[in-house]
Amino acid sequence: MGCEADSDGVVEEADIVGGVWLVDTGTGVLREAKIVTGVDDHSRFCVIASVVERATARAVCLALAAALARFGVPEEILTDIQA
């Protein structure tokens, strides 16, 4: 799983390259998640910051659609696809 907790539930080591860990404080269950981000290239303003369980095309498109609805459609969209 990439993350180990001792008997007290304290995380000793976590490998979070490419994602983040979400902890259910009720059960202590660890789940990996991804963060979908979008930044305005000119102002550096963050227009998307969405936590998703898996960065599927659907999850990314829903985050983008929400940003377009909130901030409007830009003249162009630049991407940095990282698989």
PDB file of N, CA and C in Angstrom:
ATOM      1  N   MET A   1       0.827  -1.194   0.000  1.00  0.00           N
ATOM      2  CA  MET A   1       0.000   0.000   0.000  1.00  0.00           C
ATOM      3  C   MET A   1       0.860   1.242   0.000  1.00  0.00           C
ATOM      4  N   GLY A   2       2.101   1.177   0.425  1.00  0.00           N
ATOM      5  CA  GLY A   2       2.961   2.344   0.401  1.00  0.00           C
ATOM      6  C   GLY A   2       2.914   3.178   1.659  1.00  0.00           C
ATOM      7  N   CYS A   3       2.128   2.771   2.645  1.00  0.00           N
ATOM      8  CA  CYS A   3       2.006   3.544   3.870  1.00  0.00           C
ATOM      9  C   CYS A   3       1.832   2.576   5.026  1.00  0.00           C
ATOM     10  N   GLU A   4       2.578   2.780   6.083  1.00  0.00           N
ATOM     11  CA  GLU A   4       2.505   1.881   7.229  1.00  0.00           C
ATOM     12  C   GLU A   4       2.207   2.662   8.496  1.00  0.00           C
ATOM     13  N   ALA A   5       1.331   2.113   9.339  1.00  0.00           N
ATOM     14  CA  ALA A   5       1.009   2.746  10.617  1.00  0.00           C
ATOM     15  C   ALA A   5       1.365   1.785  11.742  1.00  0.00           C
ATOM     16  N   ASP A   6       1.859   2.318  12.860  1.00  0.00           N
ATOM     17  CA  ASP A   6       2.166   1.468  14.007  1.00  0.00           C
ATOM     18  C   ASP A   6       0.888   1.147  14.773  1.00  0.00           C
ATOM     19  N   SER A   7       0.991   0.446  15.901  1.00  0.00           N
ATOM     20  CA  SER A   7      -0.204   0.022  16.654  1.00  0.00           C
ATOM     21  C   SER A   7      -1.033   1.183  17.184  1.00  0.00           C
ATOM     22  N   ASP A   8      -0.431   2.368  17.316  1.00  0.00           N
ATOM     23  CA  ASP A   8      -1.160   3.553  17.775  1.00  0.00           C
ATOM     24  C   ASP A   8      -1.823   4.295  16.619  1.00  0.00           C
ATOM     25  N   GLY A   9      -1.633   3.808  15.381  1.00  0.00           N
ATOM     26  CA  GLY A   9      -2.212   4.451  14.215  1.00  0.00           C
ATOM     27  C   GLY A   9      -1.384   5.601  13.681  1.00  0.00           C
ATOM     28  N   VAL A  10      -0.140   5.731  14.153  1.00  0.00           N
ATOM     29  CA  VAL A  10       0.728   6.806  13.687  1.00  0.00           C
ATOM     30  C   VAL A  10       1.420   6.357  12.411  1.00  0.00           C
ATOM     31  N   VAL A  11       1.351   7.173  11.393  1.00  0.00           N
ATOM     32  CA  VAL A  11       1.972   6.836  10.121  1.00  0.00           C
ATOM     33  C   VAL A  11       3.487   6.990  10.247  1.00  0.00           C
ATOM     34  N   GLU A  12       4.188   5.907   9.970  1.00  0.00           N
ATOM     35  CA  GLU A  12       5.649   5.902  10.056  1.00  0.00           C
ATOM     36  C   GLU A  12       6.290   6.274   8.724  1.00  0.00           C
ATOM     37  N   GLU A  13       5.681   5.829   7.645  1.00  0.00           N
ATOM     38  CA  GLU A  13       6.276   6.049   6.337  1.00  0.00           C
ATOM     39  C   GLU A  13       5.158   6.148   5.319  1.00  0.00           C
ATOM     40  N   ALA A  14       5.273   7.064   4.394  1.00  0.00           N
ATOM     41  CA  ALA A  14       4.248   7.183   3.361  1.00  0.00           C
ATOM     42  C   ALA A  14       4.904   7.511   2.033  1.00  0.00           C
ATOM     43  N   ASP A  15       4.542   6.767   1.017  1.00  0.00           N
ATOM     44  CA  ASP A  15       5.013   7.012  -0.335  1.00  0.00           C
ATOM     45  C   ASP A  15       3.866   7.676  -1.077  1.00  0.00           C
ATOM     46  N   ILE A  16       3.946   8.986  -1.298  1.00  0.00           N
ATOM     47  CA  ILE A  16       2.813   9.701  -1.883  1.00  0.00           C
ATOM     48  C   ILE A  16       3.126  10.298  -3.248  1.00  0.00           C
ATOM     49  N   VAL A  17       4.132   9.759  -3.923  1.00  0.00           N
ATOM     50  CA  VAL A  17       4.462  10.264  -5.246  1.00  0.00           C
ATOM     51  C   VAL A  17       3.271  10.035  -6.168  1.00  0.00           C
ATOM     52  N   GLY A  18       2.804  11.097  -6.785  1.00  0.00           N
ATOM     53  CA  GLY A  18       1.686  11.000  -7.703  1.00  0.00           C
ATOM     54  C   GLY A  18       0.319  11.048  -7.056  1.00  0.00           C
ATOM     55  N   GLY A  19       0.252  11.266  -5.771  1.00  0.00           N
ATOM     56  CA  GLY A  19      -1.041  11.326  -5.120  1.00  0.00           C
ATOM     57  C   GLY A  19      -0.911  11.777  -3.683  1.00  0.00           C
ATOM     58  N   VAL A  20      -2.015  11.757  -2.997  1.00  0.00           N
ATOM     59  CA  VAL A  20      -2.045  12.109  -1.577  1.00  0.00           C
ATOM     60  C   VAL A  20      -2.804  11.009  -0.854  1.00  0.00           C
ATOM     61  N   TRP A  21      -2.635  10.953   0.453  1.00  0.00           N
ATOM     62  CA  TRP A  21      -3.362   9.971   1.245  1.00  0.00           C
ATOM     63  C   TRP A  21      -4.501  10.646   1.982  1.00  0.00           C
ATOM     64  N   LEU A  22      -5.693  10.057   1.909  1.00  0.00           N
ATOM     65  CA  LEU A  22      -6.852  10.509   2.664  1.00  0.00           C
ATOM     66  C   LEU A  22      -7.043   9.541   3.817  1.00  0.00           C
ATOM     67  N   VAL A  23      -7.249  10.042   5.017  1.00  0.00           N
ATOM     68  CA  VAL A  23      -7.438   9.194   6.180  1.00  0.00           C
ATOM     69  C   VAL A  23      -8.859   9.358   6.696  1.00  0.00           C
ATOM     70  N   ASP A  24      -9.583   8.255   6.801  1.00  0.00           N
ATOM     71  CA  ASP A  24     -10.906   8.261   7.427  1.00  0.00           C
ATOM     72  C   ASP A  24     -10.663   8.260   8.927  1.00  0.00           C
ATOM     73  N   THR A  25     -10.937   9.377   9.581  1.00  0.00           N
ATOM     74  CA  THR A  25     -10.622   9.501  11.004  1.00  0.00           C
ATOM     75  C   THR A  25     -11.473   8.589  11.875  1.00  0.00           C
ATOM     76  N   GLY A  26     -12.589   8.131  11.382  1.00  0.00           N
ATOM     77  CA  GLY A  26     -13.432   7.219  12.141  1.00  0.00           C
ATOM     78  C   GLY A  26     -12.894   5.799  12.158  1.00  0.00           C
ATOM     79  N   THR A  27     -12.391   5.348  10.992  1.00  0.00           N
ATOM     80  CA  THR A  27     -11.921   3.966  10.885  1.00  0.00           C
ATOM     81  C   THR A  27     -10.405   3.854  10.802  1.00  0.00           C
ATOM     82  N   GLY A  28      -9.734   4.947  10.455  1.00  0.00           N
ATOM     83  CA  GLY A  28      -8.285   4.909  10.279  1.00  0.00           C
ATOM     84  C   GLY A  28      -7.858   4.344   8.942  1.00  0.00           C
ATOM     85  N   VAL A  29      -8.809   4.093   8.056  1.00  0.00           N
ATOM     86  CA  VAL A  29      -8.502   3.534   6.747  1.00  0.00           C
ATOM     87  C   VAL A  29      -7.827   4.591   5.882  1.00  0.00           C
ATOM     88  N   LEU A  30      -6.726   4.207   5.229  1.00  0.00           N
ATOM     89  CA  LEU A  30      -5.999   5.107   4.339  1.00  0.00           C
ATOM     90  C   LEU A  30      -6.395   4.814   2.895  1.00  0.00           C
ATOM     91  N   ARG A  31      -6.645   5.868   2.127  1.00  0.00           N
ATOM     92  CA  ARG A  31      -6.941   5.722   0.704  1.00  0.00           C
ATOM     93  C   ARG A  31      -6.097   6.705  -0.064  1.00  0.00           C
ATOM     94  N   GLU A  32      -5.613   6.284  -1.220  1.00  0.00           N
ATOM     95  CA  GLU A  32      -4.858   7.197  -2.066  1.00  0.00           C
ATOM     96  C   GLU A  32      -5.832   8.021  -2.901  1.00  0.00           C
ATOM     97  N   ALA A  33      -5.485   9.282  -3.147  1.00  0.00           N
ATOM     98  CA  ALA A  33      -6.315  10.162  -3.966  1.00  0.00           C
ATOM     99  C   ALA A  33      -5.412  10.979  -4.875  1.00  0.00           C
ATOM    100  N   LYS A  34      -5.994  11.604  -5.848  1.00  0.00           N
ATOM    101  CA  LYS A  34      -5.283  12.484  -6.779  1.00  0.00           C
ATOM    102  C   LYS A  34      -5.883  13.881  -6.668  1.00  0.00           C
ATOM    103  N   ILE A  35      -5.092  14.883  -6.992  1.00  0.00           N
ATOM    104  CA  ILE A  35      -5.580  16.258  -7.008  1.00  0.00           C
ATOM    105  C   ILE A  35      -5.517  16.770  -8.438  1.00  0.00           C
ATOM    106  N   VAL A  36      -6.668  17.153  -8.968  1.00  0.00           N
ATOM    107  CA  VAL A  36      -6.753  17.745 -10.305  1.00  0.00           C
ATOM    108  C   VAL A  36      -6.619  19.250 -10.128  1.00  0.00           C
ATOM    109  N   THR A  37      -5.630  19.845 -10.784  1.00  0.00           N
ATOM    110  CA  THR A  37      -5.408  21.282 -10.637  1.00  0.00           C
ATOM    111  C   THR A  37      -5.448  21.983 -11.986  1.00  0.00           C
ATOM    112  N   GLY A  38      -5.807  23.241 -11.944  1.00  0.00           N
ATOM    113  CA  GLY A  38      -5.784  24.092 -13.124  1.00  0.00           C
ATOM    114  C   GLY A  38      -5.391  25.493 -12.691  1.00  0.00           C
ATOM    115  N   VAL A  39      -4.404  26.065 -13.362  1.00  0.00           N
ATOM    116  CA  VAL A  39      -3.884  27.381 -12.989  1.00  0.00           C
ATOM    117  C   VAL A  39      -3.924  28.300 -14.197  1.00  0.00           C
ATOM    118  N   ASP A  40      -4.434  29.514 -13.984  1.00  0.00           N
ATOM    119  CA  ASP A  40      -4.403  30.526 -15.037  1.00  0.00           C
ATOM    120  C   ASP A  40      -2.943  30.876 -15.307  1.00  0.00           C
ATOM    121  N   ASP A  41      -2.500  30.702 -16.546  1.00  0.00           N
ATOM    122  CA  ASP A  41      -1.088  30.887 -16.890  1.00  0.00           C
ATOM    123  C   ASP A  41      -0.620  32.326 -16.709  1.00  0.00           C
ATOM    124  N   HIS A  42      -1.498  33.287 -16.888  1.00  0.00           N
ATOM    125  CA  HIS A  42      -1.103  34.694 -16.774  1.00  0.00           C
ATOM    126  C   HIS A  42      -1.072  35.163 -15.315  1.00  0.00           C
ATOM    127  N   SER A  43      -2.159  34.945 -14.601  1.00  0.00           N
ATOM    128  CA  SER A  43      -2.261  35.472 -13.225  1.00  0.00           C
ATOM    129  C   SER A  43      -1.747  34.492 -12.174  1.00  0.00           C
ATOM    130  N   ARG A  44      -1.597  33.214 -12.551  1.00  0.00           N
ATOM    131  CA  ARG A  44      -1.209  32.122 -11.639  1.00  0.00           C
ATOM    132  C   ARG A  44      -2.317  31.831 -10.625  1.00  0.00           C
ATOM    133  N   PHE A  45      -3.534  32.265 -10.906  1.00  0.00           N
ATOM    134  CA  PHE A  45      -4.688  32.006 -10.045  1.00  0.00           C
ATOM    135  C   PHE A  45      -5.143  30.563 -10.239  1.00  0.00           C
ATOM    136  N   CYS A  46      -5.381  29.864  -9.149  1.00  0.00           N
ATOM    137  CA  CYS A  46      -5.833  28.471  -9.203  1.00  0.00           C
ATOM    138  C   CYS A  46      -7.326  28.443  -9.521  1.00  0.00           C
ATOM    139  N   VAL A  47      -7.690  27.917 -10.689  1.00  0.00           N
ATOM    140  CA  VAL A  47      -9.094  27.846 -11.072  1.00  0.00           C
ATOM    141  C   VAL A  47      -9.686  26.460 -10.827  1.00  0.00           C
ATOM    142  N   ILE A  48      -8.815  25.445 -10.632  1.00  0.00           N
ATOM    143  CA  ILE A  48      -9.276  24.093 -10.314  1.00  0.00           C
ATOM    144  C   ILE A  48      -8.379  23.523  -9.221  1.00  0.00           C
ATOM    145  N   ALA A  49      -8.995  22.993  -8.195  1.00  0.00           N
ATOM    146  CA  ALA A  49      -8.304  22.205  -7.167  1.00  0.00           C
ATOM    147  C   ALA A  49      -9.328  21.197  -6.669  1.00  0.00           C
ATOM    148  N   SER A  50      -9.331  20.027  -7.287  1.00  0.00           N
ATOM    149  CA  SER A  50     -10.353  19.028  -7.014  1.00  0.00           C
ATOM    150  C   SER A  50      -9.698  17.713  -6.602  1.00  0.00           C
ATOM    151  N   VAL A  51     -10.113  17.155  -5.470  1.00  0.00           N
ATOM    152  CA  VAL A  51      -9.594  15.869  -5.005  1.00  0.00           C
ATOM    153  C   VAL A  51     -10.476  14.768  -5.577  1.00  0.00           C
ATOM    154  N   VAL A  52      -9.852  13.810  -6.253  1.00  0.00           N
ATOM    155  CA  VAL A  52     -10.576  12.692  -6.853  1.00  0.00           C
ATOM    156  C   VAL A  52      -9.908  11.382  -6.448  1.00  0.00           C
ATOM    157  N   GLU A  53     -10.708  10.324  -6.390  1.00  0.00           N
ATOM    158  CA  GLU A  53     -10.144   9.024  -6.029  1.00  0.00           C
ATOM    159  C   GLU A  53      -9.234   8.508  -7.137  1.00  0.00           C
ATOM    160  N   ARG A  54      -9.669   8.684  -8.378  1.00  0.00           N
ATOM    161  CA  ARG A  54      -8.854   8.289  -9.533  1.00  0.00           C
ATOM    162  C   ARG A  54      -8.935   9.409 -10.557  1.00  0.00           C
ATOM    163  N   ALA A  55      -7.815   9.754 -11.164  1.00  0.00           N
ATOM    164  CA  ALA A  55      -7.786  10.842 -12.151  1.00  0.00           C
ATOM    165  C   ALA A  55      -8.183  10.301 -13.523  1.00  0.00           C
ATOM    166  N   THR A  56      -9.424   9.877 -13.626  1.00  0.00           N
ATOM    167  CA  THR A  56      -9.943   9.374 -14.902  1.00  0.00           C
ATOM    168  C   THR A  56     -10.310  10.550 -15.799  1.00  0.00           C
ATOM    169  N   ALA A  57     -10.532  10.258 -17.069  1.00  0.00           N
ATOM    170  CA  ALA A  57     -10.942  11.314 -18.001  1.00  0.00           C
ATOM    171  C   ALA A  57     -12.233  11.968 -17.526  1.00  0.00           C
ATOM    172  N   ARG A  58     -13.150  11.173 -17.001  1.00  0.00           N
ATOM    173  CA  ARG A  58     -14.428  11.718 -16.518  1.00  0.00           C
ATOM    174  C   ARG A  58     -14.220  12.676 -15.355  1.00  0.00           C
ATOM    175  N   ALA A  59     -13.391  12.284 -14.381  1.00  0.00           N
ATOM    176  CA  ALA A  59     -13.146  13.138 -13.218  1.00  0.00           C
ATOM    177  C   ALA A  59     -12.482  14.441 -13.620  1.00  0.00           C
ATOM    178  N   VAL A  60     -11.528  14.366 -14.531  1.00  0.00           N
ATOM    179  CA  VAL A  60     -10.822  15.570 -14.991  1.00  0.00           C
ATOM    180  C   VAL A  60     -11.772  16.468 -15.786  1.00  0.00           C
ATOM    181  N   CYS A  61     -12.587  15.887 -16.657  1.00  0.00           N
ATOM    182  CA  CYS A  61     -13.543  16.679 -17.442  1.00  0.00           C
ATOM    183  C   CYS A  61     -14.598  17.343 -16.562  1.00  0.00           C
ATOM    184  N   LEU A  62     -15.057  16.647 -15.513  1.00  0.00           N
ATOM    185  CA  LEU A  62     -16.021  17.254 -14.593  1.00  0.00           C
ATOM    186  C   LEU A  62     -15.401  18.433 -13.844  1.00  0.00           C
ATOM    187  N   ALA A  63     -14.141  18.301 -13.430  1.00  0.00           N
ATOM    188  CA  ALA A  63     -13.455  19.407 -12.753  1.00  0.00           C
ATOM    189  C   ALA A  63     -13.277  20.586 -13.707  1.00  0.00           C
ATOM    190  N   LEU A  64     -12.902  20.294 -14.952  1.00  0.00           N
ATOM    191  CA  LEU A  64     -12.734  21.353 -15.959  1.00  0.00           C
ATOM    192  C   LEU A  64     -14.074  22.025 -16.260  1.00  0.00           C
ATOM    193  N   ALA A  65     -15.125  21.237 -16.413  1.00  0.00           N
ATOM    194  CA  ALA A  65     -16.454  21.808 -16.699  1.00  0.00           C
ATOM    195  C   ALA A  65     -16.916  22.727 -15.569  1.00  0.00           C
ATOM    196  N   ALA A  66     -16.641  22.350 -14.330  1.00  0.00           N
ATOM    197  CA  ALA A  66     -17.012  23.198 -13.190  1.00  0.00           C
ATOM    198  C   ALA A  66     -16.248  24.517 -13.227  1.00  0.00           C
ATOM    199  N   ALA A  67     -14.961  24.453 -13.579  1.00  0.00           N
ATOM    200  CA  ALA A  67     -14.158  25.682 -13.669  1.00  0.00           C
ATOM    201  C   ALA A  67     -14.645  26.566 -14.819  1.00  0.00           C
ATOM    202  N   LEU A  68     -14.988  25.958 -15.944  1.00  0.00           N
ATOM    203  CA  LEU A  68     -15.490  26.738 -17.084  1.00  0.00           C
ATOM    204  C   LEU A  68     -16.817  27.402 -16.734  1.00  0.00           C
ATOM    205  N   ALA A  69     -17.672  26.701 -16.010  1.00  0.00           N
ATOM    206  CA  ALA A  69     -18.957  27.285 -15.605  1.00  0.00           C
ATOM    207  C   ALA A  69     -18.755  28.436 -14.628  1.00  0.00           C
ATOM    208  N   ARG A  70     -17.775  28.306 -13.765  1.00  0.00           N
ATOM    209  CA  ARG A  70     -17.555  29.342 -12.750  1.00  0.00           C
ATOM    210  C   ARG A  70     -16.803  30.554 -13.289  1.00  0.00           C
ATOM    211  N   PHE A  71     -15.761  30.319 -14.097  1.00  0.00           N
ATOM    212  CA  PHE A  71     -14.882  31.409 -14.523  1.00  0.00           C
ATOM    213  C   PHE A  71     -14.999  31.786 -15.991  1.00  0.00           C
ATOM    214  N   GLY A  72     -15.760  31.023 -16.775  1.00  0.00           N
ATOM    215  CA  GLY A  72     -15.906  31.315 -18.195  1.00  0.00           C
ATOM    216  C   GLY A  72     -14.911  30.515 -19.028  1.00  0.00           C
ATOM    217  N   VAL A  73     -15.070  30.610 -20.334  1.00  0.00           N
ATOM    218  CA  VAL A  73     -14.248  29.852 -21.274  1.00  0.00           C
ATOM    219  C   VAL A  73     -13.047  30.699 -21.699  1.00  0.00           C
ATOM    220  N   PRO A  74     -11.824  30.193 -21.515  1.00  0.00           N
ATOM    221  CA  PRO A  74     -10.632  30.947 -21.926  1.00  0.00           C
ATOM    222  C   PRO A  74     -10.426  30.855 -23.438  1.00  0.00           C
ATOM    223  N   GLU A  75      -9.531  31.688 -23.947  1.00  0.00           N
ATOM    224  CA  GLU A  75      -9.204  31.631 -25.369  1.00  0.00           C
ATOM    225  C   GLU A  75      -8.517  30.323 -25.734  1.00  0.00           C
ATOM    226  N   GLU A  76      -7.688  29.817 -24.831  1.00  0.00           N
ATOM    227  CA  GLU A  76      -7.032  28.538 -25.079  1.00  0.00           C
ATOM    228  C   GLU A  76      -6.745  27.849 -23.750  1.00  0.00           C
ATOM    229  N   ILE A  77      -6.571  26.534 -23.811  1.00  0.00           N
ATOM    230  CA  ILE A  77      -6.219  25.744 -22.643  1.00  0.00           C
ATOM    231  C   ILE A  77      -4.927  24.998 -22.950  1.00  0.00           C
ATOM    232  N   LEU A  78      -3.923  25.197 -22.114  1.00  0.00           N
ATOM    233  CA  LEU A  78      -2.650  24.487 -22.244  1.00  0.00           C
ATOM    234  C   LEU A  78      -2.670  23.333 -21.262  1.00  0.00           C
ATOM    235  N   THR A  79      -2.141  22.174 -21.676  1.00  0.00           N
ATOM    236  CA  THR A  79      -2.127  21.023 -20.780  1.00  0.00           C
ATOM    237  C   THR A  79      -0.714  20.507 -20.575  1.00  0.00           C
ATOM    238  N   ASP A  80      -0.522  19.878 -19.460  1.00  0.00           N
ATOM    239  CA  ASP A  80       0.722  19.176 -19.147  1.00  0.00           C
ATOM    240  C   ASP A  80       0.282  17.800 -18.660  1.00  0.00           C
ATOM    241  N   ILE A  81       0.049  16.912 -19.596  1.00  0.00           N
ATOM    242  CA  ILE A  81      -0.463  15.583 -19.280  1.00  0.00           C
ATOM    243  C   ILE A  81       0.640  14.757 -18.636  1.00  0.00           C
ATOM    244  N   GLN A  82       0.329  14.221 -17.447  1.00  0.00           N
ATOM    245  CA  GLN A  82       1.289  13.358 -16.749  1.00  0.00           C
ATOM    246  C   GLN A  82       0.598  12.058 -16.418  1.00  0.00           C
ATOM    247  N   ALA A  83       1.079  10.993 -17.003  1.00  0.00           N
ATOM    248  CA  ALA A  83       0.460   9.681 -16.770  1.00  0.00           C
ATOM    249  C   ALA A  83       1.279   8.878 -15.786  1.00  0.00           C
TER     250      ALA A  83
END
